[in-house]
Amino acid sequence: MHTSQPEPPAQLTVEISRDLEDIVPIFLDNRRKDIQTLRQALNTQDFRTIQTLGHRMKGDGGGFGFDRITEIGAAMERAAKLEDHATIEQHVIQLEDFLKRVAVVYK
């Protein structure tokens, strides 16, 4: 019996201005750190922290060329205002997935 391996998730290529080459890796690393903070905040029902981080991602994502981070941040901020635990959890998973798959190309 042959079992097939699941396909690896598709890479997401994002083109970023070469002017941001020094700070984009730091920005992305900070978003990876945010995932742990968001999970901890979810565990303690700290919706204020989630709302703040979502708002920050909404504002910063597009400026760095990551529109998907802006979208996730905006949705997370809305869900935190509603204290919607399940929706926030889905957005954290989406953010984590995006960060695992994103590949930056500097132009």
N, C-alpha and C. Protein backbone atom coordinates (compact mmCIF):
# COMPACT_ATOMS: atom_id res chain seq x y z
N MET A 1 0.85 -1.19 0.00
CA MET A 1 0.00 0.00 0.00
C MET A 1 0.89 1.24 0.00
N HIS A 2 0.61 2.13 -0.89
CA HIS A 2 1.41 3.35 -1.04
C HIS A 2 0.71 4.51 -0.35
N THR A 3 1.42 5.17 0.56
CA THR A 3 0.85 6.37 1.18
C THR A 3 1.60 7.58 0.64
N SER A 4 0.85 8.53 0.21
CA SER A 4 1.49 9.72 -0.35
C SER A 4 1.73 10.74 0.75
N GLN A 5 2.80 11.46 0.60
CA GLN A 5 3.13 12.52 1.54
C GLN A 5 2.28 13.74 1.20
N PRO A 6 1.81 14.47 2.22
CA PRO A 6 1.06 15.69 1.91
C PRO A 6 1.97 16.71 1.23
N GLU A 7 1.38 17.47 0.34
CA GLU A 7 2.13 18.51 -0.34
C GLU A 7 2.55 19.59 0.67
N PRO A 8 3.78 20.08 0.58
CA PRO A 8 4.14 21.18 1.47
C PRO A 8 3.33 22.42 1.08
N PRO A 9 3.05 23.27 2.06
CA PRO A 9 2.27 24.46 1.73
C PRO A 9 3.00 25.33 0.71
N ALA A 10 2.23 25.92 -0.16
CA ALA A 10 2.82 26.76 -1.21
C ALA A 10 3.50 27.98 -0.60
N GLN A 11 4.64 28.31 -1.16
CA GLN A 11 5.37 29.49 -0.73
C GLN A 11 4.64 30.73 -1.23
N LEU A 12 4.62 31.76 -0.41
CA LEU A 12 4.01 33.04 -0.78
C LEU A 12 5.13 34.05 -0.99
N THR A 13 5.27 34.52 -2.21
CA THR A 13 6.33 35.47 -2.51
C THR A 13 5.78 36.89 -2.42
N VAL A 14 6.49 37.72 -1.68
CA VAL A 14 6.12 39.13 -1.51
C VAL A 14 7.30 39.97 -1.96
N GLU A 15 7.03 40.89 -2.88
CA GLU A 15 8.09 41.80 -3.34
C GLU A 15 8.12 43.03 -2.45
N ILE A 16 9.32 43.34 -1.96
CA ILE A 16 9.52 44.44 -1.03
C ILE A 16 10.61 45.34 -1.58
N SER A 17 10.47 46.61 -1.31
CA SER A 17 11.49 47.57 -1.73
C SER A 17 12.83 47.25 -1.08
N ARG A 18 13.88 47.31 -1.87
CA ARG A 18 15.23 47.05 -1.35
C ARG A 18 15.58 48.01 -0.21
N ASP A 19 14.94 49.18 -0.18
CA ASP A 19 15.17 50.15 0.90
C ASP A 19 14.83 49.58 2.28
N LEU A 20 13.96 48.57 2.31
CA LEU A 20 13.52 47.99 3.59
C LEU A 20 14.25 46.70 3.94
N GLU A 21 15.27 46.36 3.17
CA GLU A 21 15.96 45.08 3.32
C GLU A 21 16.54 44.87 4.73
N ASP A 22 17.00 45.93 5.36
CA ASP A 22 17.60 45.79 6.69
C ASP A 22 16.56 45.60 7.79
N ILE A 23 15.34 46.12 7.60
CA ILE A 23 14.37 46.08 8.69
C ILE A 23 13.26 45.04 8.52
N VAL A 24 13.04 44.56 7.31
CA VAL A 24 11.98 43.57 7.10
C VAL A 24 12.22 42.29 7.91
N PRO A 25 13.44 41.74 7.95
CA PRO A 25 13.64 40.52 8.76
C PRO A 25 13.31 40.75 10.24
N ILE A 26 13.61 41.93 10.75
CA ILE A 26 13.29 42.26 12.14
C ILE A 26 11.78 42.34 12.32
N PHE A 27 11.11 42.99 11.37
CA PHE A 27 9.65 43.09 11.41
C PHE A 27 9.01 41.70 11.44
N LEU A 28 9.45 40.81 10.55
CA LEU A 28 8.88 39.47 10.49
C LEU A 28 9.20 38.67 11.75
N ASP A 29 10.41 38.82 12.28
CA ASP A 29 10.77 38.12 13.51
C ASP A 29 9.89 38.60 14.67
N ASN A 30 9.61 39.89 14.72
CA ASN A 30 8.74 40.41 15.77
C ASN A 30 7.32 39.87 15.64
N ARG A 31 6.84 39.66 14.41
CA ARG A 31 5.51 39.08 14.23
C ARG A 31 5.50 37.62 14.71
N ARG A 32 6.62 36.92 14.49
CA ARG A 32 6.72 35.54 15.00
C ARG A 32 6.66 35.54 16.53
N LYS A 33 7.31 36.50 17.15
CA LYS A 33 7.25 36.62 18.61
C LYS A 33 5.83 36.97 19.05
N ASP A 34 5.13 37.76 18.25
CA ASP A 34 3.74 38.13 18.58
C ASP A 34 2.84 36.90 18.69
N ILE A 35 3.12 35.87 17.92
CA ILE A 35 2.29 34.67 17.95
C ILE A 35 2.27 34.09 19.37
N GLN A 36 3.43 34.01 20.01
CA GLN A 36 3.48 33.50 21.38
C GLN A 36 2.72 34.42 22.34
N THR A 37 2.89 35.71 22.18
CA THR A 37 2.19 36.68 23.02
C THR A 37 0.68 36.56 22.83
N LEU A 38 0.26 36.40 21.57
CA LEU A 38 -1.17 36.27 21.28
C LEU A 38 -1.74 34.99 21.90
N ARG A 39 -1.01 33.90 21.81
CA ARG A 39 -1.49 32.64 22.39
C ARG A 39 -1.61 32.75 23.91
N GLN A 40 -0.62 33.40 24.51
CA GLN A 40 -0.67 33.59 25.96
C GLN A 40 -1.85 34.48 26.34
N ALA A 41 -2.06 35.54 25.57
CA ALA A 41 -3.18 36.45 25.84
C ALA A 41 -4.52 35.73 25.67
N LEU A 42 -4.60 34.86 24.68
CA LEU A 42 -5.83 34.07 24.50
C LEU A 42 -6.08 33.18 25.71
N ASN A 43 -5.04 32.54 26.20
CA ASN A 43 -5.18 31.65 27.35
C ASN A 43 -5.66 32.37 28.61
N THR A 44 -5.29 33.65 28.72
CA THR A 44 -5.67 34.42 29.91
C THR A 44 -6.84 35.37 29.64
N GLN A 45 -7.45 35.24 28.46
CA GLN A 45 -8.59 36.11 28.08
C GLN A 45 -8.20 37.60 28.09
N ASP A 46 -6.94 37.88 27.74
CA ASP A 46 -6.44 39.27 27.71
C ASP A 46 -6.74 39.86 26.32
N PHE A 47 -7.99 40.23 26.12
CA PHE A 47 -8.41 40.73 24.82
C PHE A 47 -7.84 42.11 24.51
N ARG A 48 -7.47 42.85 25.53
CA ARG A 48 -6.88 44.18 25.31
C ARG A 48 -5.52 44.05 24.61
N THR A 49 -4.70 43.10 25.06
CA THR A 49 -3.40 42.88 24.43
C THR A 49 -3.59 42.42 22.99
N ILE A 50 -4.54 41.53 22.77
CA ILE A 50 -4.81 41.04 21.41
C ILE A 50 -5.27 42.19 20.52
N GLN A 51 -6.13 43.03 21.05
CA GLN A 51 -6.62 44.18 20.28
C GLN A 51 -5.47 45.12 19.94
N THR A 52 -4.59 45.36 20.89
CA THR A 52 -3.44 46.25 20.65
C THR A 52 -2.51 45.68 19.59
N LEU A 53 -2.18 44.38 19.69
CA LEU A 53 -1.30 43.77 18.70
C LEU A 53 -1.96 43.74 17.32
N GLY A 54 -3.25 43.43 17.28
CA GLY A 54 -3.97 43.44 16.00
C GLY A 54 -3.95 44.83 15.37
N HIS A 55 -4.17 45.84 16.19
CA HIS A 55 -4.16 47.22 15.70
C HIS A 55 -2.78 47.59 15.14
N ARG A 56 -1.74 47.17 15.84
CA ARG A 56 -0.37 47.47 15.41
C ARG A 56 -0.06 46.78 14.08
N MET A 57 -0.47 45.51 13.96
CA MET A 57 -0.24 44.78 12.70
C MET A 57 -1.03 45.42 11.56
N LYS A 58 -2.25 45.84 11.86
CA LYS A 58 -3.08 46.49 10.85
C LYS A 58 -2.37 47.73 10.32
N GLY A 59 -1.77 48.48 11.22
CA GLY A 59 -1.10 49.72 10.83
C GLY A 59 0.25 49.52 10.17
N ASP A 60 1.00 48.53 10.62
CA ASP A 60 2.38 48.36 10.16
C ASP A 60 2.52 47.45 8.94
N GLY A 61 1.66 46.46 8.80
CA GLY A 61 1.82 45.45 7.75
C GLY A 61 1.98 46.03 6.37
N GLY A 62 1.04 46.86 5.96
CA GLY A 62 1.07 47.44 4.62
C GLY A 62 2.28 48.33 4.39
N GLY A 63 2.72 49.04 5.42
CA GLY A 63 3.87 49.91 5.30
C GLY A 63 5.15 49.15 4.98
N PHE A 64 5.18 47.88 5.38
CA PHE A 64 6.32 47.03 5.09
C PHE A 64 6.09 46.20 3.84
N GLY A 65 4.90 46.31 3.26
CA GLY A 65 4.59 45.56 2.04
C GLY A 65 3.86 44.25 2.29
N PHE A 66 3.39 44.04 3.50
CA PHE A 66 2.71 42.79 3.84
C PHE A 66 1.21 43.07 4.07
N ASP A 67 0.49 43.17 2.98
CA ASP A 67 -0.94 43.46 3.08
C ASP A 67 -1.69 42.37 3.85
N ARG A 68 -1.23 41.14 3.74
CA ARG A 68 -1.90 40.03 4.44
C ARG A 68 -1.79 40.22 5.95
N ILE A 69 -0.68 40.72 6.44
CA ILE A 69 -0.54 40.98 7.87
C ILE A 69 -1.50 42.09 8.29
N THR A 70 -1.67 43.10 7.45
CA THR A 70 -2.63 44.16 7.73
C THR A 70 -4.04 43.58 7.83
N GLU A 71 -4.41 42.71 6.89
CA GLU A 71 -5.74 42.11 6.91
C GLU A 71 -5.96 41.27 8.17
N ILE A 72 -4.99 40.44 8.51
CA ILE A 72 -5.12 39.60 9.69
C ILE A 72 -5.20 40.46 10.94
N GLY A 73 -4.36 41.49 11.02
CA GLY A 73 -4.36 42.38 12.18
C GLY A 73 -5.70 43.08 12.36
N ALA A 74 -6.27 43.56 11.27
CA ALA A 74 -7.57 44.25 11.34
C ALA A 74 -8.66 43.29 11.82
N ALA A 75 -8.65 42.08 11.28
CA ALA A 75 -9.66 41.08 11.68
C ALA A 75 -9.46 40.68 13.14
N MET A 76 -8.22 40.56 13.55
CA MET A 76 -7.93 40.20 14.94
C MET A 76 -8.37 41.30 15.90
N GLU A 77 -8.13 42.55 15.51
CA GLU A 77 -8.55 43.68 16.34
C GLU A 77 -10.07 43.67 16.51
N ARG A 78 -10.81 43.45 15.41
CA ARG A 78 -12.28 43.39 15.49
C ARG A 78 -12.74 42.25 16.39
N ALA A 79 -12.14 41.08 16.22
CA ALA A 79 -12.52 39.92 17.02
C ALA A 79 -12.21 40.14 18.51
N ALA A 80 -11.12 40.82 18.81
CA ALA A 80 -10.76 41.09 20.20
C ALA A 80 -11.77 42.04 20.84
N LYS A 81 -12.24 43.01 20.09
CA LYS A 81 -13.26 43.93 20.61
C LYS A 81 -14.53 43.16 20.98
N LEU A 82 -14.81 42.10 20.23
CA LEU A 82 -16.00 41.27 20.48
C LEU A 82 -15.71 40.12 21.45
N GLU A 83 -14.44 40.01 21.88
CA GLU A 83 -13.99 38.93 22.75
C GLU A 83 -14.35 37.56 22.15
N ASP A 84 -14.11 37.45 20.85
CA ASP A 84 -14.43 36.24 20.08
C ASP A 84 -13.20 35.32 20.04
N HIS A 85 -13.10 34.49 21.05
CA HIS A 85 -11.93 33.62 21.24
C HIS A 85 -11.66 32.74 20.01
N ALA A 86 -12.69 32.08 19.48
CA ALA A 86 -12.50 31.15 18.36
C ALA A 86 -11.99 31.86 17.11
N THR A 87 -12.53 33.04 16.82
CA THR A 87 -12.10 33.79 15.65
C THR A 87 -10.66 34.28 15.81
N ILE A 88 -10.32 34.74 16.99
CA ILE A 88 -8.95 35.18 17.25
C ILE A 88 -7.98 34.01 17.03
N GLU A 89 -8.36 32.86 17.55
CA GLU A 89 -7.51 31.68 17.40
C GLU A 89 -7.27 31.36 15.92
N GLN A 90 -8.30 31.48 15.09
CA GLN A 90 -8.16 31.24 13.66
C GLN A 90 -7.20 32.26 13.02
N HIS A 91 -7.28 33.50 13.46
CA HIS A 91 -6.40 34.53 12.90
C HIS A 91 -4.95 34.31 13.34
N VAL A 92 -4.75 33.82 14.54
CA VAL A 92 -3.38 33.51 14.99
C VAL A 92 -2.81 32.39 14.12
N ILE A 93 -3.63 31.39 13.83
CA ILE A 93 -3.20 30.29 12.95
C ILE A 93 -2.89 30.82 11.55
N GLN A 94 -3.71 31.72 11.05
CA GLN A 94 -3.47 32.31 9.72
C GLN A 94 -2.17 33.10 9.70
N LEU A 95 -1.92 33.85 10.75
CA LEU A 95 -0.67 34.63 10.83
C LEU A 95 0.53 33.69 10.87
N GLU A 96 0.45 32.65 11.68
CA GLU A 96 1.54 31.69 11.77
C GLU A 96 1.79 31.02 10.42
N ASP A 97 0.73 30.63 9.74
CA ASP A 97 0.85 30.00 8.42
C ASP A 97 1.50 30.96 7.42
N PHE A 98 1.05 32.21 7.41
CA PHE A 98 1.62 33.20 6.51
C PHE A 98 3.12 33.36 6.77
N LEU A 99 3.50 33.48 8.03
CA LEU A 99 4.90 33.69 8.37
C LEU A 99 5.77 32.49 8.01
N LYS A 100 5.21 31.30 8.07
CA LYS A 100 5.97 30.10 7.68
C LYS A 100 6.18 30.04 6.17
N ARG A 101 5.23 30.56 5.42
CA ARG A 101 5.27 30.40 3.96
C ARG A 101 5.82 31.60 3.21
N VAL A 102 5.90 32.76 3.83
CA VAL A 102 6.29 33.96 3.11
C VAL A 102 7.76 33.91 2.71
N ALA A 103 8.01 34.32 1.49
CA ALA A 103 9.37 34.48 0.97
C ALA A 103 9.48 35.89 0.42
N VAL A 104 10.47 36.61 0.89
CA VAL A 104 10.62 38.01 0.50
C VAL A 104 11.62 38.12 -0.64
N VAL A 105 11.23 38.89 -1.66
CA VAL A 105 12.09 39.21 -2.78
C VAL A 105 12.26 40.72 -2.78
N TYR A 106 13.49 41.18 -2.74
CA TYR A 106 13.76 42.63 -2.70
C TYR A 106 13.97 43.13 -4.12
N LYS A 107 13.28 44.20 -4.44
CA LYS A 107 13.36 44.81 -5.79
C LYS A 107 13.97 46.19 -5.71
